[in-house]
Amino acid sequence: MKLILPLDLVADIEPHLPPDTEVVTVDVEGNLDGDASDAEVYFSWFLSRSPTLHKIIEAAPALRWGWFYFQPRNVG
């Protein structure tokens, strides 16, 4: 399986992935560091702006899952 991960999450997530998992990283502007054409999952930590998300979707037509995680702020 191939995943698309934001640059700021790779160090936290990649060590926990199965050995046969391929990773393509993406920055906040939607620039990918490799071929994402067969990536199946996009995991996003940041709020993707519309142009950024469009770049990712165009580069990865095989996407089947998008996982968006937003950490709640501690307001108090």
PDB file of N, CA and C in Angstrom:
ATOM      1  N   MET A   1       0.841  -1.165   0.000  1.00  0.00           N
ATOM      2  CA  MET A   1       0.000   0.000   0.000  1.00  0.00           C
ATOM      3  C   MET A   1       0.893   1.238   0.000  1.00  0.00           C
ATOM      4  N   LYS A   2       0.416   2.276  -0.677  1.00  0.00           N
ATOM      5  CA  LYS A   2       1.145   3.539  -0.696  1.00  0.00           C
ATOM      6  C   LYS A   2       0.286   4.614  -0.055  1.00  0.00           C
ATOM      7  N   LEU A   3       0.919   5.398   0.840  1.00  0.00           N
ATOM      8  CA  LEU A   3       0.244   6.479   1.543  1.00  0.00           C
ATOM      9  C   LEU A   3       0.833   7.829   1.155  1.00  0.00           C
ATOM     10  N   ILE A   4       0.020   8.851   1.233  1.00  0.00           N
ATOM     11  CA  ILE A   4       0.500  10.220   1.116  1.00  0.00           C
ATOM     12  C   ILE A   4       0.426  10.819   2.516  1.00  0.00           C
ATOM     13  N   LEU A   5       1.585  11.278   3.016  1.00  0.00           N
ATOM     14  CA  LEU A   5       1.660  11.851   4.357  1.00  0.00           C
ATOM     15  C   LEU A   5       2.230  13.262   4.307  1.00  0.00           C
ATOM     16  N   PRO A   6       1.697  14.154   5.112  1.00  0.00           N
ATOM     17  CA  PRO A   6       2.279  15.497   5.222  1.00  0.00           C
ATOM     18  C   PRO A   6       3.690  15.415   5.811  1.00  0.00           C
ATOM     19  N   LEU A   7       4.562  16.292   5.352  1.00  0.00           N
ATOM     20  CA  LEU A   7       5.947  16.296   5.825  1.00  0.00           C
ATOM     21  C   LEU A   7       6.059  16.347   7.346  1.00  0.00           C
ATOM     22  N   ASP A   8       5.211  17.119   7.987  1.00  0.00           N
ATOM     23  CA  ASP A   8       5.337  17.287   9.429  1.00  0.00           C
ATOM     24  C   ASP A   8       4.861  16.078  10.236  1.00  0.00           C
ATOM     25  N   LEU A   9       4.306  15.066   9.584  1.00  0.00           N
ATOM     26  CA  LEU A   9       3.853  13.862  10.294  1.00  0.00           C
ATOM     27  C   LEU A   9       4.664  12.618   9.994  1.00  0.00           C
ATOM     28  N   VAL A  10       5.503  12.669   8.989  1.00  0.00           N
ATOM     29  CA  VAL A  10       6.229  11.473   8.553  1.00  0.00           C
ATOM     30  C   VAL A  10       7.028  10.851   9.695  1.00  0.00           C
ATOM     31  N   ALA A  11       7.754  11.641  10.449  1.00  0.00           N
ATOM     32  CA  ALA A  11       8.598  11.106  11.525  1.00  0.00           C
ATOM     33  C   ALA A  11       7.769  10.414  12.605  1.00  0.00           C
ATOM     34  N   ASP A  12       6.547  10.871  12.823  1.00  0.00           N
ATOM     35  CA  ASP A  12       5.695  10.274  13.854  1.00  0.00           C
ATOM     36  C   ASP A  12       4.973   9.016  13.377  1.00  0.00           C
ATOM     37  N   ILE A  13       4.614   8.970  12.111  1.00  0.00           N
ATOM     38  CA  ILE A  13       3.777   7.877  11.604  1.00  0.00           C
ATOM     39  C   ILE A  13       4.579   6.772  10.928  1.00  0.00           C
ATOM     40  N   GLU A  14       5.555   7.132  10.105  1.00  0.00           N
ATOM     41  CA  GLU A  14       6.269   6.144   9.291  1.00  0.00           C
ATOM     42  C   GLU A  14       6.877   4.991  10.094  1.00  0.00           C
ATOM     43  N   PRO A  15       7.461   5.233  11.278  1.00  0.00           N
ATOM     44  CA  PRO A  15       8.040   4.110  12.026  1.00  0.00           C
ATOM     45  C   PRO A  15       7.014   3.048  12.462  1.00  0.00           C
ATOM     46  N   HIS A  16       5.746   3.398  12.458  1.00  0.00           N
ATOM     47  CA  HIS A  16       4.699   2.479  12.909  1.00  0.00           C
ATOM     48  C   HIS A  16       3.987   1.755  11.761  1.00  0.00           C
ATOM     49  N   LEU A  17       4.388   2.039  10.539  1.00  0.00           N
ATOM     50  CA  LEU A  17       3.757   1.422   9.374  1.00  0.00           C
ATOM     51  C   LEU A  17       4.378   0.060   9.078  1.00  0.00           C
ATOM     52  N   PRO A  18       3.606  -0.839   8.466  1.00  0.00           N
ATOM     53  CA  PRO A  18       4.176  -2.123   8.052  1.00  0.00           C
ATOM     54  C   PRO A  18       5.337  -1.905   7.074  1.00  0.00           C
ATOM     55  N   PRO A  19       6.294  -2.821   7.050  1.00  0.00           N
ATOM     56  CA  PRO A  19       7.486  -2.654   6.210  1.00  0.00           C
ATOM     57  C   PRO A  19       7.198  -2.511   4.719  1.00  0.00           C
ATOM     58  N   ASP A  20       6.109  -3.072   4.231  1.00  0.00           N
ATOM     59  CA  ASP A  20       5.830  -3.013   2.794  1.00  0.00           C
ATOM     60  C   ASP A  20       5.036  -1.769   2.393  1.00  0.00           C
ATOM     61  N   THR A  21       4.880  -0.816   3.305  1.00  0.00           N
ATOM     62  CA  THR A  21       4.139   0.409   3.015  1.00  0.00           C
ATOM     63  C   THR A  21       5.071   1.437   2.390  1.00  0.00           C
ATOM     64  N   GLU A  22       4.645   1.990   1.252  1.00  0.00           N
ATOM     65  CA  GLU A  22       5.396   3.066   0.612  1.00  0.00           C
ATOM     66  C   GLU A  22       4.797   4.396   1.031  1.00  0.00           C
ATOM     67  N   VAL A  23       5.652   5.404   1.162  1.00  0.00           N
ATOM     68  CA  VAL A  23       5.199   6.727   1.588  1.00  0.00           C
ATOM     69  C   VAL A  23       5.652   7.773   0.590  1.00  0.00           C
ATOM     70  N   VAL A  24       4.721   8.631   0.204  1.00  0.00           N
ATOM     71  CA  VAL A  24       5.005   9.826  -0.584  1.00  0.00           C
ATOM     72  C   VAL A  24       4.656  10.992   0.326  1.00  0.00           C
ATOM     73  N   THR A  25       5.577  11.946   0.470  1.00  0.00           N
ATOM     74  CA  THR A  25       5.283  13.077   1.335  1.00  0.00           C
ATOM     75  C   THR A  25       4.758  14.249   0.529  1.00  0.00           C
ATOM     76  N   VAL A  26       4.035  15.115   1.234  1.00  0.00           N
ATOM     77  CA  VAL A  26       3.457  16.296   0.611  1.00  0.00           C
ATOM     78  C   VAL A  26       3.645  17.481   1.559  1.00  0.00           C
ATOM     79  N   ASP A  27       3.967  18.640   0.997  1.00  0.00           N
ATOM     80  CA  ASP A  27       4.085  19.827   1.834  1.00  0.00           C
ATOM     81  C   ASP A  27       2.762  20.593   1.827  1.00  0.00           C
ATOM     82  N   VAL A  28       2.691  21.687   2.544  1.00  0.00           N
ATOM     83  CA  VAL A  28       1.440  22.432   2.683  1.00  0.00           C
ATOM     84  C   VAL A  28       0.976  23.069   1.380  1.00  0.00           C
ATOM     85  N   GLU A  29       1.876  23.150   0.395  1.00  0.00           N
ATOM     86  CA  GLU A  29       1.515  23.700  -0.910  1.00  0.00           C
ATOM     87  C   GLU A  29       1.038  22.623  -1.884  1.00  0.00           C
ATOM     88  N   GLY A  30       1.095  21.359  -1.466  1.00  0.00           N
ATOM     89  CA  GLY A  30       0.656  20.264  -2.322  1.00  0.00           C
ATOM     90  C   GLY A  30       1.743  19.676  -3.190  1.00  0.00           C
ATOM     91  N   ASN A  31       3.004  20.020  -2.912  1.00  0.00           N
ATOM     92  CA  ASN A  31       4.124  19.477  -3.675  1.00  0.00           C
ATOM     93  C   ASN A  31       4.483  18.101  -3.137  1.00  0.00           C
ATOM     94  N   LEU A  32       4.431  17.111  -4.006  1.00  0.00           N
ATOM     95  CA  LEU A  32       4.712  15.718  -3.644  1.00  0.00           C
ATOM     96  C   LEU A  32       6.166  15.392  -3.927  1.00  0.00           C
ATOM     97  N   ASP A  33       6.768  14.521  -3.108  1.00  0.00           N
ATOM     98  CA  ASP A  33       8.177  14.172  -3.305  1.00  0.00           C
ATOM     99  C   ASP A  33       8.372  12.915  -4.147  1.00  0.00           C
ATOM    100  N   GLY A  34       7.315  12.392  -4.709  1.00  0.00           N
ATOM    101  CA  GLY A  34       7.449  11.189  -5.524  1.00  0.00           C
ATOM    102  C   GLY A  34       6.192  10.924  -6.324  1.00  0.00           C
ATOM    103  N   ASP A  35       6.133   9.750  -6.918  1.00  0.00           N
ATOM    104  CA  ASP A  35       4.988   9.352  -7.734  1.00  0.00           C
ATOM    105  C   ASP A  35       3.841   8.902  -6.838  1.00  0.00           C
ATOM    106  N   ALA A  36       2.759   9.654  -6.854  1.00  0.00           N
ATOM    107  CA  ALA A  36       1.600   9.330  -6.026  1.00  0.00           C
ATOM    108  C   ALA A  36       0.466   8.730  -6.852  1.00  0.00           C
ATOM    109  N   SER A  37       0.744   8.387  -8.095  1.00  0.00           N
ATOM    110  CA  SER A  37      -0.323   7.929  -8.989  1.00  0.00           C
ATOM    111  C   SER A  37      -1.017   6.662  -8.516  1.00  0.00           C
ATOM    112  N   ASP A  38      -0.328   5.849  -7.712  1.00  0.00           N
ATOM    113  CA  ASP A  38      -0.949   4.628  -7.202  1.00  0.00           C
ATOM    114  C   ASP A  38      -1.164   4.663  -5.690  1.00  0.00           C
ATOM    115  N   ALA A  39      -1.060   5.847  -5.089  1.00  0.00           N
ATOM    116  CA  ALA A  39      -1.318   5.978  -3.648  1.00  0.00           C
ATOM    117  C   ALA A  39      -2.802   5.748  -3.383  1.00  0.00           C
ATOM    118  N   GLU A  40      -3.081   5.039  -2.310  1.00  0.00           N
ATOM    119  CA  GLU A  40      -4.465   4.702  -1.982  1.00  0.00           C
ATOM    120  C   GLU A  40      -5.021   5.500  -0.813  1.00  0.00           C
ATOM    121  N   VAL A  41      -4.132   6.047   0.020  1.00  0.00           N
ATOM    122  CA  VAL A  41      -4.583   6.748   1.227  1.00  0.00           C
ATOM    123  C   VAL A  41      -3.878   8.092   1.335  1.00  0.00           C
ATOM    124  N   TYR A  42      -4.641   9.104   1.695  1.00  0.00           N
ATOM    125  CA  TYR A  42      -4.093  10.433   1.969  1.00  0.00           C
ATOM    126  C   TYR A  42      -4.422  10.767   3.410  1.00  0.00           C
ATOM    127  N   PHE A  43      -3.389  10.969   4.217  1.00  0.00           N
ATOM    128  CA  PHE A  43      -3.558  11.315   5.621  1.00  0.00           C
ATOM    129  C   PHE A  43      -3.159  12.764   5.779  1.00  0.00           C
ATOM    130  N   SER A  44      -4.067  13.587   6.260  1.00  0.00           N
ATOM    131  CA  SER A  44      -3.782  15.008   6.387  1.00  0.00           C
ATOM    132  C   SER A  44      -3.898  15.466   7.825  1.00  0.00           C
ATOM    133  N   TRP A  45      -2.877  16.145   8.284  1.00  0.00           N
ATOM    134  CA  TRP A  45      -2.868  16.718   9.620  1.00  0.00           C
ATOM    135  C   TRP A  45      -3.311  18.169   9.577  1.00  0.00           C
ATOM    136  N   PHE A  46      -3.000  18.839   8.503  1.00  0.00           N
ATOM    137  CA  PHE A  46      -3.319  20.252   8.368  1.00  0.00           C
ATOM    138  C   PHE A  46      -4.568  20.441   7.527  1.00  0.00           C
ATOM    139  N   LEU A  47      -5.160  21.590   7.656  1.00  0.00           N
ATOM    140  CA  LEU A  47      -6.330  21.926   6.856  1.00  0.00           C
ATOM    141  C   LEU A  47      -5.861  22.210   5.439  1.00  0.00           C
ATOM    142  N   SER A  48      -6.205  21.344   4.523  1.00  0.00           N
ATOM    143  CA  SER A  48      -5.777  21.505   3.140  1.00  0.00           C
ATOM    144  C   SER A  48      -6.610  22.582   2.462  1.00  0.00           C
ATOM    145  N   ARG A  49      -5.922  23.530   1.887  1.00  0.00           N
ATOM    146  CA  ARG A  49      -6.612  24.541   1.092  1.00  0.00           C
ATOM    147  C   ARG A  49      -7.076  23.890  -0.194  1.00  0.00           C
ATOM    148  N   SER A  50      -8.065  24.453  -0.800  1.00  0.00           N
ATOM    149  CA  SER A  50      -8.648  23.875  -2.002  1.00  0.00           C
ATOM    150  C   SER A  50      -7.616  23.612  -3.102  1.00  0.00           C
ATOM    151  N   PRO A  51      -6.754  24.582  -3.461  1.00  0.00           N
ATOM    152  CA  PRO A  51      -5.762  24.302  -4.519  1.00  0.00           C
ATOM    153  C   PRO A  51      -4.808  23.164  -4.141  1.00  0.00           C
ATOM    154  N   THR A  52      -4.443  23.088  -2.871  1.00  0.00           N
ATOM    155  CA  THR A  52      -3.549  22.023  -2.411  1.00  0.00           C
ATOM    156  C   THR A  52      -4.225  20.668  -2.552  1.00  0.00           C
ATOM    157  N   LEU A  53      -5.436  20.571  -2.092  1.00  0.00           N
ATOM    158  CA  LEU A  53      -6.178  19.312  -2.188  1.00  0.00           C
ATOM    159  C   LEU A  53      -6.385  18.908  -3.642  1.00  0.00           C
ATOM    160  N   HIS A  54      -6.654  19.863  -4.506  1.00  0.00           N
ATOM    161  CA  HIS A  54      -6.826  19.565  -5.936  1.00  0.00           C
ATOM    162  C   HIS A  54      -5.540  19.006  -6.539  1.00  0.00           C
ATOM    163  N   LYS A  55      -4.385  19.554  -6.155  1.00  0.00           N
ATOM    164  CA  LYS A  55      -3.101  19.035  -6.642  1.00  0.00           C
ATOM    165  C   LYS A  55      -2.923  17.572  -6.239  1.00  0.00           C
ATOM    166  N   ILE A  56      -3.257  17.276  -4.997  1.00  0.00           N
ATOM    167  CA  ILE A  56      -3.090  15.916  -4.480  1.00  0.00           C
ATOM    168  C   ILE A  56      -4.027  14.956  -5.199  1.00  0.00           C
ATOM    169  N   ILE A  57      -5.268  15.356  -5.378  1.00  0.00           N
ATOM    170  CA  ILE A  57      -6.244  14.498  -6.053  1.00  0.00           C
ATOM    171  C   ILE A  57      -5.848  14.255  -7.510  1.00  0.00           C
ATOM    172  N   GLU A  58      -5.351  15.281  -8.180  1.00  0.00           N
ATOM    173  CA  GLU A  58      -4.892  15.113  -9.570  1.00  0.00           C
ATOM    174  C   GLU A  58      -3.706  14.158  -9.652  1.00  0.00           C
ATOM    175  N   ALA A  59      -2.784  14.253  -8.692  1.00  0.00           N
ATOM    176  CA  ALA A  59      -1.574  13.425  -8.716  1.00  0.00           C
ATOM    177  C   ALA A  59      -1.827  11.996  -8.272  1.00  0.00           C
ATOM    178  N   ALA A  60      -2.953  11.769  -7.588  1.00  0.00           N
ATOM    179  CA  ALA A  60      -3.216  10.445  -7.013  1.00  0.00           C
ATOM    180  C   ALA A  60      -4.619   9.956  -7.375  1.00  0.00           C
ATOM    181  N   PRO A  61      -4.834   9.594  -8.639  1.00  0.00           N
ATOM    182  CA  PRO A  61      -6.170   9.167  -9.064  1.00  0.00           C
ATOM    183  C   PRO A  61      -6.641   7.858  -8.431  1.00  0.00           C
ATOM    184  N   ALA A  62      -5.719   7.101  -7.826  1.00  0.00           N
ATOM    185  CA  ALA A  62      -6.101   5.821  -7.208  1.00  0.00           C
ATOM    186  C   ALA A  62      -6.523   5.972  -5.746  1.00  0.00           C
ATOM    187  N   LEU A  63      -6.588   7.220  -5.236  1.00  0.00           N
ATOM    188  CA  LEU A  63      -6.974   7.414  -3.834  1.00  0.00           C
ATOM    189  C   LEU A  63      -8.318   6.772  -3.561  1.00  0.00           C
ATOM    190  N   ARG A  64      -8.364   6.055  -2.445  1.00  0.00           N
ATOM    191  CA  ARG A  64      -9.603   5.408  -2.010  1.00  0.00           C
ATOM    192  C   ARG A  64     -10.033   5.906  -0.642  1.00  0.00           C
ATOM    193  N   TRP A  65      -9.052   6.428   0.111  1.00  0.00           N
ATOM    194  CA  TRP A  65      -9.332   6.883   1.459  1.00  0.00           C
ATOM    195  C   TRP A  65      -8.627   8.198   1.715  1.00  0.00           C
ATOM    196  N   GLY A  66      -9.302   9.071   2.413  1.00  0.00           N
ATOM    197  CA  GLY A  66      -8.690  10.298   2.914  1.00  0.00           C
ATOM    198  C   GLY A  66      -8.914  10.340   4.407  1.00  0.00           C
ATOM    199  N   TRP A  67      -7.878  10.564   5.144  1.00  0.00           N
ATOM    200  CA  TRP A  67      -8.000  10.627   6.591  1.00  0.00           C
ATOM    201  C   TRP A  67      -7.545  12.007   7.028  1.00  0.00           C
ATOM    202  N   PHE A  68      -8.451  12.731   7.605  1.00  0.00           N
ATOM    203  CA  PHE A  68      -8.148  14.080   8.040  1.00  0.00           C
ATOM    204  C   PHE A  68      -8.275  14.144   9.554  1.00  0.00           C
ATOM    205  N   TYR A  69      -7.212  14.529  10.199  1.00  0.00           N
ATOM    206  CA  TYR A  69      -7.200  14.580  11.654  1.00  0.00           C
ATOM    207  C   TYR A  69      -6.941  16.011  12.090  1.00  0.00           C
ATOM    208  N   PHE A  70      -7.812  16.510  12.899  1.00  0.00           N
ATOM    209  CA  PHE A  70      -7.664  17.855  13.426  1.00  0.00           C
ATOM    210  C   PHE A  70      -7.631  17.760  14.933  1.00  0.00           C
ATOM    211  N   GLN A  71      -6.521  18.164  15.522  1.00  0.00           N
ATOM    212  CA  GLN A  71      -6.392  18.082  16.967  1.00  0.00           C
ATOM    213  C   GLN A  71      -7.123  19.274  17.588  1.00  0.00           C
ATOM    214  N   PRO A  72      -8.034  18.987  18.519  1.00  0.00           N
ATOM    215  CA  PRO A  72      -8.739  20.097  19.161  1.00  0.00           C
ATOM    216  C   PRO A  72      -7.791  20.944  19.997  1.00  0.00           C
ATOM    217  N   ARG A  73      -8.049  22.218  20.006  1.00  0.00           N
ATOM    218  CA  ARG A  73      -7.246  23.123  20.818  1.00  0.00           C
ATOM    219  C   ARG A  73      -7.724  23.103  22.253  1.00  0.00           C
ATOM    220  N   ASN A  74      -6.789  23.267  23.140  1.00  0.00           N
ATOM    221  CA  ASN A  74      -7.133  23.348  24.562  1.00  0.00           C
ATOM    222  C   ASN A  74      -7.469  24.814  24.855  1.00  0.00           C
ATOM    223  N   VAL A  75      -8.731  25.088  24.935  1.00  0.00           N
ATOM    224  CA  VAL A  75      -9.165  26.450  25.256  1.00  0.00           C
ATOM    225  C   VAL A  75      -9.672  26.472  26.673  1.00  0.00           C
ATOM    226  N   GLY A  76      -9.186  27.371  27.427  1.00  0.00           N
ATOM    227  CA  GLY A  76      -9.603  27.324  28.812  1.00  0.00           C
ATOM    228  C   GLY A  76      -9.405  28.559  29.507  1.00  0.00           C
TER     229      GLY A  76
END
